[in-house]
Amino acid sequence: MIVFFYGGGWNTGRKEQYRFVAETLTAVGYVVAIPDYRIVPDAHFPDFVEDSAAAVAWVHAHIATLGGDPRRIVLIGHSAGAYNVAMLALDPRYLRAHGLETGALAGVVAISGPYDFLPLRSRLTTAAFGRASDLPATQPITFARAGAPSLLLLNGSADTLVPPRHAAALAERVREAGGQVRVIVYDGLGHIDIMAGLSTLLRGSSPLLGDITGFIQTLPAFR
């Protein structure tokens, strides 16, 4: 059971735009849910993380009736969506608000996500996080810990919007804490074109899908 969260700088995006992701993942045997979440200017941190947690809780409660296995929930996110899933994996408060522990997640795949972006410098991050009273609590890297779900962090080497240093920094902190994390950097790929690996037309020419499914098959819930 995969729950996919799209990107868009926390200010754009609709689930209908990511049907191609669901088509690719269902074609290789997964049940897929793609939720919407509130975005700027109608929402600000932590609204989009709370919405993501609510979506995961709904999936956990209902997916068995739709052919999914609530014991095998994997989160995947790209860009802002990768931030959202990283926060759900690392900061237990969001899922606990819905009666779940992070142990309900079999694993998490985060693609081109920002995990350590203080001080706020960009227009996007200032708009989404500038109202937060505790800025360190907005950063996934703050909550790196042992006991979190296994993480797969994916980035393109040519990503200038969210450079691979974000994945490297989070992975280092998670490993120091005793957690499980793997990082893959794809040579020459940028922030958007990395997602071509999940498109129906180009998935066969990219290692992205194989790396994601390979990671999932290593998770204890899938053994």
Protein backbone atom coordinates (compact mmCIF):
# COMPACT_ATOMS: atom_id res chain seq x y z
CA MET A 1 0.00 0.00 0.00
CA ILE A 2 1.62 3.23 -1.17
CA VAL A 3 0.49 6.71 -0.18
CA PHE A 4 2.05 9.28 -2.51
CA PHE A 5 2.35 13.00 -1.66
CA TYR A 6 3.09 15.36 -4.54
CA GLY A 7 5.32 18.42 -4.46
CA GLY A 8 4.72 21.99 -5.52
CA GLY A 9 6.44 24.23 -2.99
CA TRP A 10 3.51 23.89 -0.56
CA ASN A 11 1.59 26.34 -2.76
CA THR A 12 0.59 24.39 -5.87
CA GLY A 13 -0.49 20.91 -6.86
CA ARG A 14 -3.56 18.70 -7.18
CA LYS A 15 -3.83 14.95 -6.91
CA GLU A 16 -5.32 14.72 -10.41
CA GLN A 17 -1.98 15.83 -11.85
CA TYR A 18 -0.26 12.70 -10.49
CA ARG A 19 -2.41 9.96 -11.94
CA PHE A 20 0.70 8.84 -13.84
CA VAL A 21 2.38 7.93 -10.55
CA ALA A 22 -0.57 5.76 -9.53
CA GLU A 23 -0.65 4.11 -12.97
CA THR A 24 3.05 3.23 -12.77
CA LEU A 25 2.90 1.86 -9.23
CA THR A 26 -0.32 -0.07 -9.66
CA ALA A 27 1.14 -1.64 -12.80
CA VAL A 28 3.80 -3.32 -10.64
CA GLY A 29 1.34 -4.56 -8.03
CA TYR A 30 0.77 -1.83 -5.45
CA VAL A 31 -2.44 -0.26 -4.22
CA VAL A 32 -1.95 3.53 -4.39
CA ALA A 33 -3.60 6.51 -2.69
CA ILE A 34 -2.77 10.11 -3.65
CA PRO A 35 -4.24 12.62 -1.18
CA ASP A 36 -4.51 16.37 -1.48
CA TYR A 37 -3.39 18.62 1.37
CA ARG A 38 -3.92 22.27 2.19
CA ILE A 39 -1.45 24.69 0.65
CA VAL A 40 -0.31 28.33 0.89
CA PRO A 41 -1.92 30.90 1.08
CA ASP A 42 -4.84 29.09 2.72
CA ALA A 43 -2.55 27.04 4.96
CA HIS A 44 0.84 27.28 6.62
CA PHE A 45 3.04 24.97 8.69
CA PRO A 46 1.99 22.65 10.27
CA ASP A 47 -1.31 22.43 8.32
CA PHE A 48 0.07 20.46 5.39
CA VAL A 49 1.83 17.97 7.66
CA GLU A 50 -1.30 17.54 9.75
CA ASP A 51 -3.35 16.95 6.60
CA SER A 52 -0.82 14.35 5.46
CA ALA A 53 -1.10 12.58 8.81
CA ALA A 54 -4.90 12.60 8.55
CA ALA A 55 -4.68 11.05 5.08
CA VAL A 56 -2.37 8.28 6.28
CA ALA A 57 -4.69 7.58 9.22
CA TRP A 58 -7.65 7.30 6.83
CA VAL A 59 -5.72 4.87 4.64
CA HIS A 60 -4.71 2.81 7.66
CA ALA A 61 -8.33 2.58 8.82
CA HIS A 62 -10.03 1.93 5.48
CA ILE A 63 -7.63 0.48 2.93
CA ALA A 64 -8.30 -3.17 3.76
CA THR A 65 -11.79 -2.74 2.30
CA LEU A 66 -10.21 -1.48 -0.95
CA GLY A 67 -7.64 -4.22 -1.42
CA GLY A 68 -4.70 -2.72 0.43
CA ASP A 69 -2.82 -4.07 3.45
CA PRO A 70 -2.69 -1.64 6.42
CA ARG A 71 0.35 -3.55 7.73
CA ARG A 72 2.31 -2.65 4.59
CA ILE A 73 1.92 1.11 4.23
CA VAL A 74 4.81 2.85 2.47
CA LEU A 75 4.89 6.64 2.08
CA ILE A 76 6.43 8.22 -1.02
CA GLY A 77 6.78 11.96 -1.58
CA HIS A 78 8.43 14.32 -4.02
CA SER A 79 9.81 17.76 -3.10
CA ALA A 80 7.34 19.38 -0.67
CA GLY A 81 5.65 15.99 -0.48
CA ALA A 82 8.99 14.44 0.46
CA TYR A 83 9.23 16.96 3.28
CA ASN A 84 5.74 15.97 4.45
CA VAL A 85 6.54 12.23 4.54
CA ALA A 86 9.87 12.84 6.25
CA MET A 87 8.11 14.78 8.99
CA LEU A 88 5.56 12.00 9.45
CA ALA A 89 8.33 9.42 9.73
CA LEU A 90 10.56 11.36 12.10
CA ASP A 91 8.26 13.43 14.33
CA PRO A 92 5.78 11.03 15.98
CA ARG A 93 3.39 13.78 17.10
CA TYR A 94 1.55 14.03 13.80
CA LEU A 95 0.46 10.41 13.51
CA ARG A 96 -0.12 10.14 17.26
CA ALA A 97 -2.76 12.86 16.92
CA HIS A 98 -4.71 10.23 14.95
CA GLY A 99 -3.98 7.30 17.26
CA LEU A 100 -1.10 5.89 15.20
CA GLU A 101 2.59 5.41 15.90
CA THR A 102 5.25 5.76 13.21
CA GLY A 103 5.64 2.00 13.46
CA ALA A 104 2.45 1.80 11.38
CA LEU A 105 4.64 2.84 8.44
CA ALA A 106 6.57 0.05 6.77
CA GLY A 107 8.98 2.53 5.18
CA VAL A 108 9.34 5.95 3.59
CA VAL A 109 10.73 7.05 0.22
CA ALA A 110 11.53 10.75 -0.08
CA ILE A 111 12.45 12.16 -3.50
CA SER A 112 14.22 15.52 -3.82
CA GLY A 113 13.04 16.70 -0.44
CA PRO A 114 14.18 19.65 1.72
CA TYR A 115 15.05 18.49 5.21
CA ASP A 116 17.35 21.20 6.60
CA PHE A 117 16.60 24.70 5.28
CA LEU A 118 17.16 27.16 8.11
CA PRO A 119 17.46 30.08 8.05
CA LEU A 120 14.48 30.68 5.79
CA ARG A 121 15.79 32.36 2.67
CA SER A 122 13.48 31.56 -0.22
CA ARG A 123 10.07 33.02 -0.98
CA LEU A 124 8.53 29.54 -0.87
CA THR A 125 9.87 28.51 2.52
CA THR A 126 9.18 31.93 4.06
CA ALA A 127 5.57 31.82 2.90
CA ALA A 128 5.04 28.28 4.18
CA PHE A 129 7.04 28.38 7.43
CA GLY A 130 7.57 32.04 8.31
CA ARG A 131 4.72 32.11 10.84
CA ALA A 132 6.11 29.21 12.90
CA SER A 133 7.10 30.17 16.43
CA ASP A 134 9.58 27.29 16.73
CA LEU A 135 11.51 27.12 13.47
CA PRO A 136 13.73 24.14 14.42
CA ALA A 137 10.52 22.14 14.90
CA THR A 138 9.77 22.67 11.20
CA GLN A 139 12.89 20.78 10.11
CA PRO A 140 12.92 17.00 9.56
CA ILE A 141 16.59 16.86 10.49
CA THR A 142 15.70 18.05 14.00
CA PHE A 143 13.85 14.77 14.63
CA ALA A 144 16.36 12.26 13.26
CA ARG A 145 16.19 9.26 15.57
CA ALA A 146 16.53 5.55 15.98
CA GLY A 147 13.26 3.69 15.76
CA ALA A 148 11.87 5.71 12.87
CA PRO A 149 10.71 3.87 9.74
CA SER A 150 13.47 2.97 7.27
CA LEU A 151 14.16 5.82 4.86
CA LEU A 152 15.18 5.87 1.21
CA LEU A 153 16.33 9.35 0.17
CA LEU A 154 16.60 9.98 -3.58
CA ASN A 155 18.03 13.04 -5.34
CA GLY A 156 19.36 14.17 -8.67
CA SER A 157 22.93 15.46 -8.80
CA ALA A 158 21.81 18.40 -10.96
CA ASP A 159 19.01 19.49 -8.63
CA THR A 160 19.62 23.18 -7.96
CA LEU A 161 16.32 23.78 -6.15
CA VAL A 162 16.85 21.12 -3.47
CA PRO A 163 20.48 19.97 -3.79
CA PRO A 164 21.57 16.49 -2.67
CA ARG A 165 23.17 17.99 0.44
CA HIS A 166 19.72 17.84 2.06
CA ALA A 167 19.60 14.07 1.71
CA ALA A 168 23.22 13.71 2.78
CA ALA A 169 22.73 15.84 5.90
CA LEU A 170 19.58 14.02 6.98
CA ALA A 171 21.13 10.61 6.33
CA GLU A 172 24.19 11.48 8.40
CA ARG A 173 22.03 12.60 11.33
CA VAL A 174 19.79 9.53 11.12
CA ARG A 175 22.79 7.19 11.06
CA GLU A 176 24.35 8.99 14.03
CA ALA A 177 21.09 8.43 15.92
CA GLY A 178 21.07 4.73 15.03
CA GLY A 179 18.32 4.84 12.40
CA GLN A 180 18.08 3.08 9.03
CA VAL A 181 18.57 5.17 5.89
CA ARG A 182 19.84 4.78 2.34
CA VAL A 183 20.71 7.55 -0.12
CA ILE A 184 20.82 7.33 -3.92
CA VAL A 185 21.89 10.25 -6.11
CA TYR A 186 21.15 10.04 -9.84
CA ASP A 187 23.78 11.60 -12.05
CA GLY A 188 22.60 14.53 -14.14
CA LEU A 189 18.98 14.61 -13.02
CA GLY A 190 17.28 17.79 -11.83
CA HIS A 191 14.44 18.52 -9.46
CA ILE A 192 11.58 17.83 -11.87
CA ASP A 193 13.00 15.37 -14.39
CA ILE A 194 13.79 12.83 -11.66
CA MET A 195 10.03 12.17 -11.58
CA ALA A 196 10.10 10.99 -15.19
CA GLY A 197 11.19 7.67 -13.71
CA LEU A 198 7.64 7.23 -12.45
CA SER A 199 5.97 8.21 -15.72
CA THR A 200 4.21 5.59 -17.82
CA LEU A 201 6.34 6.41 -20.88
CA LEU A 202 9.82 6.73 -19.36
CA ARG A 203 9.80 4.43 -16.34
CA GLY A 204 11.61 1.73 -18.28
CA SER A 205 14.57 3.99 -19.03
CA SER A 206 15.17 5.11 -15.44
CA PRO A 207 16.38 3.16 -12.40
CA LEU A 208 14.01 5.11 -10.12
CA LEU A 209 11.12 2.64 -10.11
CA GLY A 210 13.42 -0.34 -9.64
CA ASP A 211 15.23 1.36 -6.76
CA ILE A 212 11.93 2.16 -5.04
CA THR A 213 10.48 -1.32 -5.45
CA GLY A 214 13.78 -2.90 -4.48
CA PHE A 215 13.84 -0.86 -1.27
CA ILE A 216 10.27 -1.82 -0.47
CA GLN A 217 11.01 -5.50 -0.87
CA THR A 218 13.80 -5.23 1.73
CA LEU A 219 11.44 -3.87 4.39
CA PRO A 220 10.55 -6.32 7.19
CA ALA A 221 6.82 -6.03 6.44
CA PHE A 222 7.42 -7.34 2.92
CA ARG A 223 9.71 -10.25 3.72
